[in-house]
């Protein structure tokens, strides 16, 4: 990868839009891949970012409905529920030797993407940020941080380093981690209790950690046990301390999707946790109950 990259962003929503705007502002050639209405809006009006951390600006991104030109990397920033349909915008032949970088919740998607695009193409990433698309082409970045972990057990380290350098110089603090399983499960072990409990009870984190403390503690222990069984380190006490440090009004993205009537990533998060637990013979009664109750509620 050269100093200035050509990057496609599959899904310029809250996460993808923020990354697209920051990378474009830093001088990289950015192509947003989306439906025709969104692509047309972006070509005409650009991508507006409002961020207390990175400032307010408009980025003149390119936009298309399908990948048609060679790129250095495709950042996949759609939700898991939209992944299959979104990937039709990135034909394998068009990807060529570019990296495919999924910013997806869960732990099962890298294997599926490698089966589709090849084992050396997929570099899974984890992002910690609160960013929302509030209107077509308008992104609000609310958190005082934006941090990316980039990994990929079968990807050459120089390619990961080049992308990490571009992301860090654009804004998000980015590091390359040597253990893909550990990186993905670190996110999963934190996200699953947070998402399942806030969505099940329709309460912000502050009330979950007081009114439903017993379930939170049990669920953290269960996810930590599954994480360790999958070969990733886990620290339940540290996870609880992180929950306790978050602002009490914090809500999960799954909870926000439920409130808005959007499809939930329940299978990618809760379902994947249960499948991993079953594979390794780890009992997870609280997780199983919450997933069952959410499914019975129509999610």
C-alpha atoms as a PDB file:
ATOM      1  CA  UNK A   1       0.000   0.000   0.000  1.00  0.00           C
ATOM      2  CA  UNK A   2       1.234   3.454  -0.863  1.00  0.00           C
ATOM      3  CA  UNK A   3       1.125   6.415   1.501  1.00  0.00           C
ATOM      4  CA  UNK A   4      -2.173   7.549  -0.049  1.00  0.00           C
ATOM      5  CA  UNK A   5      -4.628   4.700  -0.423  1.00  0.00           C
ATOM      6  CA  UNK A   6      -7.701   4.002  -2.486  1.00  0.00           C
ATOM      7  CA  UNK A   7     -10.341   2.671  -0.115  1.00  0.00           C
ATOM      8  CA  UNK A   8     -13.916   1.511  -0.559  1.00  0.00           C
ATOM      9  CA  UNK A   9     -16.392   1.817   2.303  1.00  0.00           C
ATOM     10  CA  UNK A  10     -19.209  -0.727   2.074  1.00  0.00           C
ATOM     11  CA  UNK A  11     -22.065   0.916   3.969  1.00  0.00           C
ATOM     12  CA  UNK A  12     -21.476   4.632   4.737  1.00  0.00           C
ATOM     13  CA  UNK A  13     -23.608   4.659   7.899  1.00  0.00           C
ATOM     14  CA  UNK A  14     -22.552   5.673  11.395  1.00  0.00           C
ATOM     15  CA  UNK A  15     -19.251   3.773  11.425  1.00  0.00           C
ATOM     16  CA  UNK A  16     -18.533   3.706   7.702  1.00  0.00           C
ATOM     17  CA  UNK A  17     -19.469   7.324   7.188  1.00  0.00           C
ATOM     18  CA  UNK A  18     -17.176   8.489   9.964  1.00  0.00           C
ATOM     19  CA  UNK A  19     -14.242   6.461   8.631  1.00  0.00           C
ATOM     20  CA  UNK A  20     -14.955   7.541   5.054  1.00  0.00           C
ATOM     21  CA  UNK A  21     -15.036  11.204   6.010  1.00  0.00           C
ATOM     22  CA  UNK A  22     -11.873  11.084   8.099  1.00  0.00           C
ATOM     23  CA  UNK A  23      -9.914   9.085   5.509  1.00  0.00           C
ATOM     24  CA  UNK A  24     -11.041  11.370   2.678  1.00  0.00           C
ATOM     25  CA  UNK A  25     -10.079  14.467   4.681  1.00  0.00           C
ATOM     26  CA  UNK A  26      -6.640  12.918   5.220  1.00  0.00           C
ATOM     27  CA  UNK A  27      -6.108  12.764   1.445  1.00  0.00           C
ATOM     28  CA  UNK A  28      -7.028   9.184   0.611  1.00  0.00           C
ATOM     29  CA  UNK A  29      -9.299   8.372  -2.335  1.00  0.00           C
ATOM     30  CA  UNK A  30     -12.521   7.065  -0.771  1.00  0.00           C
ATOM     31  CA  UNK A  31     -15.375   5.369  -2.628  1.00  0.00           C
ATOM     32  CA  UNK A  32     -18.592   4.777  -0.681  1.00  0.00           C
ATOM     33  CA  UNK A  33     -20.585   1.739  -1.845  1.00  0.00           C
ATOM     34  CA  UNK A  34     -24.326   1.928  -1.209  1.00  0.00           C
ATOM     35  CA  UNK A  35     -27.741   2.010  -2.852  1.00  0.00           C
ATOM     36  CA  UNK A  36     -28.308   4.427  -5.718  1.00  0.00           C
ATOM     37  CA  UNK A  37     -30.210   7.007  -3.656  1.00  0.00           C
ATOM     38  CA  UNK A  38     -27.437   7.282  -1.066  1.00  0.00           C
ATOM     39  CA  UNK A  39     -24.707   7.186  -3.702  1.00  0.00           C
ATOM     40  CA  UNK A  40     -26.393   9.987  -5.635  1.00  0.00           C
ATOM     41  CA  UNK A  41     -26.758  12.085  -2.492  1.00  0.00           C
ATOM     42  CA  UNK A  42     -23.086  11.624  -1.598  1.00  0.00           C
ATOM     43  CA  UNK A  43     -21.926  12.515  -5.126  1.00  0.00           C
ATOM     44  CA  UNK A  44     -23.986  15.699  -5.022  1.00  0.00           C
ATOM     45  CA  UNK A  45     -23.637  16.855  -1.434  1.00  0.00           C
ATOM     46  CA  UNK A  46     -20.604  15.050  -0.046  1.00  0.00           C
ATOM     47  CA  UNK A  47     -20.404  13.455   3.377  1.00  0.00           C
ATOM     48  CA  UNK A  48     -20.951  15.720   6.393  1.00  0.00           C
ATOM     49  CA  UNK A  49     -19.326  14.767   9.699  1.00  0.00           C
ATOM     50  CA  UNK A  50     -20.116  16.442  13.012  1.00  0.00           C
ATOM     51  CA  UNK A  51     -17.682  15.493  15.753  1.00  0.00           C
ATOM     52  CA  UNK A  52     -16.529  17.160  18.944  1.00  0.00           C
ATOM     53  CA  UNK A  53     -13.364  15.060  18.685  1.00  0.00           C
ATOM     54  CA  UNK A  54     -12.522  15.554  14.997  1.00  0.00           C
ATOM     55  CA  UNK A  55     -14.421  18.724  14.117  1.00  0.00           C
ATOM     56  CA  UNK A  56     -17.249  19.458  11.708  1.00  0.00           C
ATOM     57  CA  UNK A  57     -16.451  19.086   8.006  1.00  0.00           C
ATOM     58  CA  UNK A  58     -17.723  17.932   4.627  1.00  0.00           C
ATOM     59  CA  UNK A  59     -15.760  15.337   2.662  1.00  0.00           C
ATOM     60  CA  UNK A  60     -16.012  15.029  -1.124  1.00  0.00           C
ATOM     61  CA  UNK A  61     -16.144  11.247  -1.348  1.00  0.00           C
ATOM     62  CA  UNK A  62     -16.765   9.245  -4.499  1.00  0.00           C
ATOM     63  CA  UNK A  63     -19.793   6.951  -4.489  1.00  0.00           C
ATOM     64  CA  UNK A  64     -21.038   3.979  -6.459  1.00  0.00           C
ATOM     65  CA  UNK A  65     -23.417   1.053  -6.144  1.00  0.00           C
ATOM     66  CA  UNK A  66     -20.735  -1.555  -6.825  1.00  0.00           C
ATOM     67  CA  UNK A  67     -16.954  -1.880  -6.665  1.00  0.00           C
ATOM     68  CA  UNK A  68     -15.689  -1.278 -10.197  1.00  0.00           C
ATOM     69  CA  UNK A  69     -12.104  -0.032  -9.768  1.00  0.00           C
ATOM     70  CA  UNK A  70      -9.005  -1.452  -8.051  1.00  0.00           C
ATOM     71  CA  UNK A  71      -8.655  -0.509  -4.378  1.00  0.00           C
ATOM     72  CA  UNK A  72      -6.206  -1.188  -1.582  1.00  0.00           C
ATOM     73  CA  UNK A  73      -8.901  -2.233   0.870  1.00  0.00           C
ATOM     74  CA  UNK A  74     -12.657  -2.502   1.305  1.00  0.00           C
ATOM     75  CA  UNK A  75     -13.899  -1.588   4.785  1.00  0.00           C
ATOM     76  CA  UNK A  76     -17.115  -3.504   5.481  1.00  0.00           C
ATOM     77  CA  UNK A  77     -19.172  -1.374   7.869  1.00  0.00           C
ATOM     78  CA  UNK A  78     -22.713  -2.673   7.408  1.00  0.00           C
ATOM     79  CA  UNK A  79     -24.513  -4.508  10.183  1.00  0.00           C
ATOM     80  CA  UNK A  80     -24.538  -8.279  10.181  1.00  0.00           C
ATOM     81  CA  UNK A  81     -28.221  -8.304   9.244  1.00  0.00           C
ATOM     82  CA  UNK A  82     -27.405  -6.542   5.942  1.00  0.00           C
ATOM     83  CA  UNK A  83     -24.141  -8.344   5.167  1.00  0.00           C
ATOM     84  CA  UNK A  84     -25.292 -10.862   2.561  1.00  0.00           C
ATOM     85  CA  UNK A  85     -27.066  -8.319   0.392  1.00  0.00           C
ATOM     86  CA  UNK A  86     -24.283  -5.758   0.807  1.00  0.00           C
ATOM     87  CA  UNK A  87     -21.582  -8.159  -0.347  1.00  0.00           C
ATOM     88  CA  UNK A  88     -23.176  -8.311  -3.791  1.00  0.00           C
ATOM     89  CA  UNK A  89     -21.658  -4.828  -4.233  1.00  0.00           C
ATOM     90  CA  UNK A  90     -18.167  -6.357  -3.910  1.00  0.00           C
ATOM     91  CA  UNK A  91     -17.760  -9.132  -6.505  1.00  0.00           C
ATOM     92  CA  UNK A  92     -14.771 -11.379  -5.841  1.00  0.00           C
ATOM     93  CA  UNK A  93     -13.240 -10.511  -9.200  1.00  0.00           C
ATOM     94  CA  UNK A  94     -13.495  -6.797  -8.451  1.00  0.00           C
ATOM     95  CA  UNK A  95     -11.830  -7.200  -5.052  1.00  0.00           C
ATOM     96  CA  UNK A  96      -8.703  -8.582  -6.682  1.00  0.00           C
ATOM     97  CA  UNK A  97      -5.827  -8.614  -4.210  1.00  0.00           C
ATOM     98  CA  UNK A  98      -7.307  -5.899  -1.987  1.00  0.00           C
ATOM     99  CA  UNK A  99      -7.898  -6.448   1.704  1.00  0.00           C
ATOM    100  CA  UNK A 100     -11.443  -6.980   2.948  1.00  0.00           C
ATOM    101  CA  UNK A 101     -11.712  -5.429   6.424  1.00  0.00           C
ATOM    102  CA  UNK A 102     -14.957  -6.316   8.230  1.00  0.00           C
ATOM    103  CA  UNK A 103     -15.980  -4.062  11.128  1.00  0.00           C
ATOM    104  CA  UNK A 104     -18.665  -6.508  12.244  1.00  0.00           C
ATOM    105  CA  UNK A 105     -19.940  -7.652  15.603  1.00  0.00           C
ATOM    106  CA  UNK A 106     -19.605 -11.327  16.426  1.00  0.00           C
ATOM    107  CA  UNK A 107     -16.929 -13.936  15.810  1.00  0.00           C
ATOM    108  CA  UNK A 108     -18.227 -16.116  12.993  1.00  0.00           C
ATOM    109  CA  UNK A 109     -18.016 -13.792   9.989  1.00  0.00           C
ATOM    110  CA  UNK A 110     -14.263 -14.109   9.197  1.00  0.00           C
ATOM    111  CA  UNK A 111     -14.623 -17.777   8.232  1.00  0.00           C
ATOM    112  CA  UNK A 112     -17.588 -17.035   5.951  1.00  0.00           C
ATOM    113  CA  UNK A 113     -15.791 -14.126   4.312  1.00  0.00           C
ATOM    114  CA  UNK A 114     -12.624 -16.177   3.765  1.00  0.00           C
ATOM    115  CA  UNK A 115     -14.678 -18.884   2.083  1.00  0.00           C
ATOM    116  CA  UNK A 116     -16.019 -16.240  -0.296  1.00  0.00           C
ATOM    117  CA  UNK A 117     -12.943 -14.060  -0.934  1.00  0.00           C
ATOM    118  CA  UNK A 118      -9.940 -16.186   0.010  1.00  0.00           C
ATOM    119  CA  UNK A 119      -7.998 -16.705   3.257  1.00  0.00           C
ATOM    120  CA  UNK A 120      -5.389 -13.981   2.707  1.00  0.00           C
ATOM    121  CA  UNK A 121      -7.888 -11.250   1.862  1.00  0.00           C
ATOM    122  CA  UNK A 122      -9.741 -10.920   5.180  1.00  0.00           C
ATOM    123  CA  UNK A 123      -8.437  -8.670   7.956  1.00  0.00           C
ATOM    124  CA  UNK A 124     -11.057  -8.475  10.747  1.00  0.00           C
ATOM    125  CA  UNK A 125     -11.264  -5.232  12.688  1.00  0.00           C
ATOM    126  CA  UNK A 126     -12.889  -4.080  15.904  1.00  0.00           C
ATOM    127  CA  UNK A 127     -13.925  -0.475  16.475  1.00  0.00           C
ATOM    128  CA  UNK A 128     -14.861   1.281  19.714  1.00  0.00           C
ATOM    129  CA  UNK A 129     -16.868   4.400  18.905  1.00  0.00           C
ATOM    130  CA  UNK A 130     -20.339   5.896  19.117  1.00  0.00           C
ATOM    131  CA  UNK A 131     -21.245   7.273  15.716  1.00  0.00           C
ATOM    132  CA  UNK A 132     -24.650   7.547  14.047  1.00  0.00           C
ATOM    133  CA  UNK A 133     -26.020   8.425  10.625  1.00  0.00           C
ATOM    134  CA  UNK A 134     -28.702  10.990  11.480  1.00  0.00           C
ATOM    135  CA  UNK A 135     -29.683  11.712   7.852  1.00  0.00           C
ATOM    136  CA  UNK A 136     -28.437  10.627   4.429  1.00  0.00           C
ATOM    137  CA  UNK A 137     -24.814  11.687   4.219  1.00  0.00           C
ATOM    138  CA  UNK A 138     -24.789  13.202   7.731  1.00  0.00           C
ATOM    139  CA  UNK A 139     -22.788  11.535  10.500  1.00  0.00           C
ATOM    140  CA  UNK A 140     -22.712  12.489  14.181  1.00  0.00           C
ATOM    141  CA  UNK A 141     -19.746  11.180  16.173  1.00  0.00           C
ATOM    142  CA  UNK A 142     -20.749  11.409  19.836  1.00  0.00           C
ATOM    143  CA  UNK A 143     -17.989   9.609  21.752  1.00  0.00           C
ATOM    144  CA  UNK A 144     -14.753  11.351  22.786  1.00  0.00           C
ATOM    145  CA  UNK A 145     -12.833   8.384  21.364  1.00  0.00           C
ATOM    146  CA  UNK A 146     -12.530   6.312  18.195  1.00  0.00           C
ATOM    147  CA  UNK A 147     -10.273   3.282  18.521  1.00  0.00           C
ATOM    148  CA  UNK A 148      -9.624   0.484  16.039  1.00  0.00           C
ATOM    149  CA  UNK A 149      -8.012  -2.923  16.527  1.00  0.00           C
ATOM    150  CA  UNK A 150      -6.874  -4.427  13.235  1.00  0.00           C
ATOM    151  CA  UNK A 151      -5.966  -8.072  12.928  1.00  0.00           C
ATOM    152  CA  UNK A 152      -5.824 -10.967  10.478  1.00  0.00           C
ATOM    153  CA  UNK A 153      -3.964 -14.171  11.189  1.00  0.00           C
ATOM    154  CA  UNK A 154      -3.436 -14.899   7.479  1.00  0.00           C
ATOM    155  CA  UNK A 155      -2.700 -11.363   6.257  1.00  0.00           C
ATOM    156  CA  UNK A 156       0.830 -10.046   5.769  1.00  0.00           C
ATOM    157  CA  UNK A 157       1.870  -7.740   8.597  1.00  0.00           C
ATOM    158  CA  UNK A 158       3.174  -4.930   6.323  1.00  0.00           C
ATOM    159  CA  UNK A 159      -0.277  -4.596   4.733  1.00  0.00           C
ATOM    160  CA  UNK A 160      -1.936  -4.390   8.142  1.00  0.00           C
ATOM    161  CA  UNK A 161       0.621  -1.846   9.320  1.00  0.00           C
ATOM    162  CA  UNK A 162       0.051   0.347   6.255  1.00  0.00           C
ATOM    163  CA  UNK A 163      -3.702   0.412   6.794  1.00  0.00           C
ATOM    164  CA  UNK A 164      -3.291   0.997  10.534  1.00  0.00           C
ATOM    165  CA  UNK A 165      -0.985   3.931   9.803  1.00  0.00           C
ATOM    166  CA  UNK A 166      -3.523   5.468   7.405  1.00  0.00           C
ATOM    167  CA  UNK A 167      -6.344   5.115   9.937  1.00  0.00           C
ATOM    168  CA  UNK A 168      -4.311   6.552  12.810  1.00  0.00           C
ATOM    169  CA  UNK A 169      -3.154   9.525  10.743  1.00  0.00           C
ATOM    170  CA  UNK A 170      -6.790  10.143   9.721  1.00  0.00           C
ATOM    171  CA  UNK A 171      -7.997  10.179  13.340  1.00  0.00           C
ATOM    172  CA  UNK A 172      -8.929   6.842  14.946  1.00  0.00           C
ATOM    173  CA  UNK A 173      -6.213   5.416  17.167  1.00  0.00           C
ATOM    174  CA  UNK A 174      -5.385   2.107  15.488  1.00  0.00           C
ATOM    175  CA  UNK A 175      -3.250  -0.810  16.558  1.00  0.00           C
ATOM    176  CA  UNK A 176      -2.449  -4.131  14.912  1.00  0.00           C
ATOM    177  CA  UNK A 177      -3.039  -7.103  17.195  1.00  0.00           C
ATOM    178  CA  UNK A 178      -1.270 -10.433  16.615  1.00  0.00           C
ATOM    179  CA  UNK A 179      -4.077 -12.732  17.792  1.00  0.00           C
ATOM    180  CA  UNK A 180      -7.298 -12.539  15.779  1.00  0.00           C
ATOM    181  CA  UNK A 181      -9.272 -14.797  18.133  1.00  0.00           C
ATOM    182  CA  UNK A 182      -8.313 -12.731  21.161  1.00  0.00           C
ATOM    183  CA  UNK A 183      -9.232  -9.473  19.424  1.00  0.00           C
ATOM    184  CA  UNK A 184     -12.662 -10.659  18.305  1.00  0.00           C
ATOM    185  CA  UNK A 185     -13.549 -12.294  21.612  1.00  0.00           C
ATOM    186  CA  UNK A 186     -12.427  -9.244  23.596  1.00  0.00           C
ATOM    187  CA  UNK A 187     -15.160  -7.287  21.791  1.00  0.00           C
ATOM    188  CA  UNK A 188     -17.668 -10.146  21.965  1.00  0.00           C
ATOM    189  CA  UNK A 189     -17.185 -10.757  25.684  1.00  0.00           C
ATOM    190  CA  UNK A 190     -17.918  -7.094  26.395  1.00  0.00           C
ATOM    191  CA  UNK A 191     -20.671  -6.617  23.846  1.00  0.00           C
ATOM    192  CA  UNK A 192     -22.822  -9.694  24.475  1.00  0.00           C
ATOM    193  CA  UNK A 193     -23.816  -8.968  28.118  1.00  0.00           C
ATOM    194  CA  UNK A 194     -24.326  -5.275  27.344  1.00  0.00           C
ATOM    195  CA  UNK A 195     -26.432  -5.872  24.224  1.00  0.00           C
ATOM    196  CA  UNK A 196     -28.532  -8.757  25.535  1.00  0.00           C
ATOM    197  CA  UNK A 197     -29.442  -7.189  28.872  1.00  0.00           C
ATOM    198  CA  UNK A 198     -30.133  -3.624  27.690  1.00  0.00           C
ATOM    199  CA  UNK A 199     -32.275  -4.940  24.828  1.00  0.00           C
ATOM    200  CA  UNK A 200     -34.139  -7.537  26.884  1.00  0.00           C
ATOM    201  CA  UNK A 201     -35.107  -5.053  29.595  1.00  0.00           C
ATOM    202  CA  UNK A 202     -35.243  -1.886  27.440  1.00  0.00           C
ATOM    203  CA  UNK A 203     -33.120  -0.092  30.018  1.00  0.00           C
ATOM    204  CA  UNK A 204     -29.885   1.912  29.841  1.00  0.00           C
ATOM    205  CA  UNK A 205     -26.697   0.456  31.268  1.00  0.00           C
ATOM    206  CA  UNK A 206     -26.927   2.393  34.529  1.00  0.00           C
ATOM    207  CA  UNK A 207     -30.178   0.670  35.456  1.00  0.00           C
ATOM    208  CA  UNK A 208     -28.976  -2.712  34.223  1.00  0.00           C
ATOM    209  CA  UNK A 209     -25.949  -2.631  36.493  1.00  0.00           C
ATOM    210  CA  UNK A 210     -28.082  -1.825  39.528  1.00  0.00           C
ATOM    211  CA  UNK A 211     -31.492  -3.466  38.993  1.00  0.00           C
ATOM    212  CA  UNK A 212     -30.128  -6.512  37.133  1.00  0.00           C
ATOM    213  CA  UNK A 213     -26.681  -6.774  38.685  1.00  0.00           C
ATOM    214  CA  UNK A 214     -26.955 -10.498  39.360  1.00  0.00           C
ATOM    215  CA  UNK A 215     -27.692 -11.318  35.725  1.00  0.00           C
ATOM    216  CA  UNK A 216     -24.969  -8.950  34.534  1.00  0.00           C
ATOM    217  CA  UNK A 217     -22.380 -10.583  36.774  1.00  0.00           C
ATOM    218  CA  UNK A 218     -23.456 -14.078  35.750  1.00  0.00           C
ATOM    219  CA  UNK A 219     -23.491 -13.203  32.053  1.00  0.00           C
ATOM    220  CA  UNK A 220     -20.018 -11.664  32.232  1.00  0.00           C
ATOM    221  CA  UNK A 221     -18.741 -14.863  33.852  1.00  0.00           C
ATOM    222  CA  UNK A 222     -20.411 -16.993  31.177  1.00  0.00           C
ATOM    223  CA  UNK A 223     -18.993 -15.029  28.247  1.00  0.00           C
ATOM    224  CA  UNK A 224     -15.554 -15.031  29.851  1.00  0.00           C
ATOM    225  CA  UNK A 225     -15.701 -18.812  30.194  1.00  0.00           C
ATOM    226  CA  UNK A 226     -16.660 -19.208  26.525  1.00  0.00           C
ATOM    227  CA  UNK A 227     -13.937 -16.788  25.484  1.00  0.00           C
ATOM    228  CA  UNK A 228     -11.313 -18.766  27.367  1.00  0.00           C
ATOM    229  CA  UNK A 229     -12.613 -22.030  25.885  1.00  0.00           C
ATOM    230  CA  UNK A 230     -12.146 -20.504  22.411  1.00  0.00           C
ATOM    231  CA  UNK A 231      -8.532 -19.672  23.212  1.00  0.00           C
ATOM    232  CA  UNK A 232      -8.876 -16.016  24.132  1.00  0.00           C
ATOM    233  CA  UNK A 233      -8.037 -14.441  27.504  1.00  0.00           C
ATOM    234  CA  UNK A 234     -10.848 -12.980  29.576  1.00  0.00           C
ATOM    235  CA  UNK A 235     -11.074 -10.961  32.779  1.00  0.00           C
ATOM    236  CA  UNK A 236     -14.606 -10.811  34.259  1.00  0.00           C
ATOM    237  CA  UNK A 237     -13.638  -8.351  36.997  1.00  0.00           C
ATOM    238  CA  UNK A 238     -12.166  -5.944  34.455  1.00  0.00           C
ATOM    239  CA  UNK A 239     -15.292  -6.250  32.297  1.00  0.00           C
ATOM    240  CA  UNK A 240     -17.550  -5.365  35.223  1.00  0.00           C
ATOM    241  CA  UNK A 241     -15.321  -2.407  36.056  1.00  0.00           C
ATOM    242  CA  UNK A 242     -15.688  -1.156  32.476  1.00  0.00           C
ATOM    243  CA  UNK A 243     -19.484  -1.378  32.665  1.00  0.00           C
ATOM    244  CA  UNK A 244     -19.452   0.487  35.958  1.00  0.00           C
ATOM    245  CA  UNK A 245     -17.321   3.264  34.458  1.00  0.00           C
ATOM    246  CA  UNK A 246     -19.658   3.956  31.528  1.00  0.00           C
ATOM    247  CA  UNK A 247     -22.165   6.840  31.748  1.00  0.00           C
ATOM    248  CA  UNK A 248     -25.450   5.516  33.194  1.00  0.00           C
ATOM    249  CA  UNK A 249     -27.484   6.584  30.153  1.00  0.00           C
ATOM    250  CA  UNK A 250     -25.417   4.402  27.783  1.00  0.00           C
ATOM    251  CA  UNK A 251     -27.503   2.194  25.505  1.00  0.00           C
ATOM    252  CA  UNK A 252     -26.366  -0.597  23.217  1.00  0.00           C
ATOM    253  CA  UNK A 253     -26.709  -0.443  19.441  1.00  0.00           C
ATOM    254  CA  UNK A 254     -28.901  -3.564  19.600  1.00  0.00           C
ATOM    255  CA  UNK A 255     -31.206  -1.755  22.019  1.00  0.00           C
ATOM    256  CA  UNK A 256     -31.378   1.262  19.692  1.00  0.00           C
ATOM    257  CA  UNK A 257     -32.204  -1.040  16.777  1.00  0.00           C
ATOM    258  CA  UNK A 258     -35.003  -2.647  18.794  1.00  0.00           C
ATOM    259  CA  UNK A 259     -36.440   0.761  19.692  1.00  0.00           C
ATOM    260  CA  UNK A 260     -36.370   1.797  16.036  1.00  0.00           C
ATOM    261  CA  UNK A 261     -37.938  -1.430  14.795  1.00  0.00           C
ATOM    262  CA  UNK A 262     -34.825  -2.428  12.851  1.00  0.00           C
ATOM    263  CA  UNK A 263     -33.541  -6.020  12.547  1.00  0.00           C
ATOM    264  CA  UNK A 264     -31.329  -7.068  15.446  1.00  0.00           C
ATOM    265  CA  UNK A 265     -27.910  -8.698  15.363  1.00  0.00           C
ATOM    266  CA  UNK A 266     -29.252 -11.211  17.861  1.00  0.00           C
ATOM    267  CA  UNK A 267     -27.972 -14.255  16.011  1.00  0.00           C
ATOM    268  CA  UNK A 268     -24.545 -12.734  15.294  1.00  0.00           C
ATOM    269  CA  UNK A 269     -24.079 -11.904  18.992  1.00  0.00           C
ATOM    270  CA  UNK A 270     -26.319 -14.062  21.184  1.00  0.00           C
ATOM    271  CA  UNK A 271     -26.641 -16.956  18.749  1.00  0.00           C
ATOM    272  CA  UNK A 272     -22.908 -17.082  18.102  1.00  0.00           C
ATOM    273  CA  UNK A 273     -22.218 -17.052  21.839  1.00  0.00           C
ATOM    274  CA  UNK A 274     -24.553 -20.014  22.352  1.00  0.00           C
ATOM    275  CA  UNK A 275     -23.031 -21.940  19.429  1.00  0.00           C
ATOM    276  CA  UNK A 276     -19.504 -21.432  20.755  1.00  0.00           C
ATOM    277  CA  UNK A 277     -20.607 -22.467  24.240  1.00  0.00           C
ATOM    278  CA  UNK A 278     -22.226 -25.613  22.862  1.00  0.00           C
ATOM    279  CA  UNK A 279     -19.157 -26.453  20.785  1.00  0.00           C
ATOM    280  CA  UNK A 280     -16.910 -26.303  23.853  1.00  0.00           C
ATOM    281  CA  UNK A 281     -19.363 -27.696  26.402  1.00  0.00           C
ATOM    282  CA  UNK A 282     -19.557 -24.486  28.450  1.00  0.00           C
ATOM    283  CA  UNK A 283     -22.840 -23.990  30.373  1.00  0.00           C
ATOM    284  CA  UNK A 284     -24.382 -20.553  29.734  1.00  0.00           C
ATOM    285  CA  UNK A 285     -27.854 -20.617  31.319  1.00  0.00           C
ATOM    286  CA  UNK A 286     -28.307 -16.849  31.626  1.00  0.00           C
ATOM    287  CA  UNK A 287     -27.252 -16.209  28.034  1.00  0.00           C
ATOM    288  CA  UNK A 288     -29.520 -18.995  26.801  1.00  0.00           C
ATOM    289  CA  UNK A 289     -32.490 -17.591  28.736  1.00  0.00           C
ATOM    290  CA  UNK A 290     -31.985 -14.048  27.449  1.00  0.00           C
ATOM    291  CA  UNK A 291     -31.609 -15.149  23.832  1.00  0.00           C
ATOM    292  CA  UNK A 292     -34.717 -17.328  24.153  1.00  0.00           C
ATOM    293  CA  UNK A 293     -36.742 -14.497  25.684  1.00  0.00           C
ATOM    294  CA  UNK A 294     -35.656 -12.054  22.982  1.00  0.00           C
ATOM    295  CA  UNK A 295     -36.584 -14.549  20.251  1.00  0.00           C
ATOM    296  CA  UNK A 296     -39.941 -15.196  21.905  1.00  0.00           C
ATOM    297  CA  UNK A 297     -40.507 -11.441  21.895  1.00  0.00           C
ATOM    298  CA  UNK A 298     -40.237 -11.509  18.117  1.00  0.00           C
ATOM    299  CA  UNK A 299     -36.609 -10.520  17.672  1.00  0.00           C
END
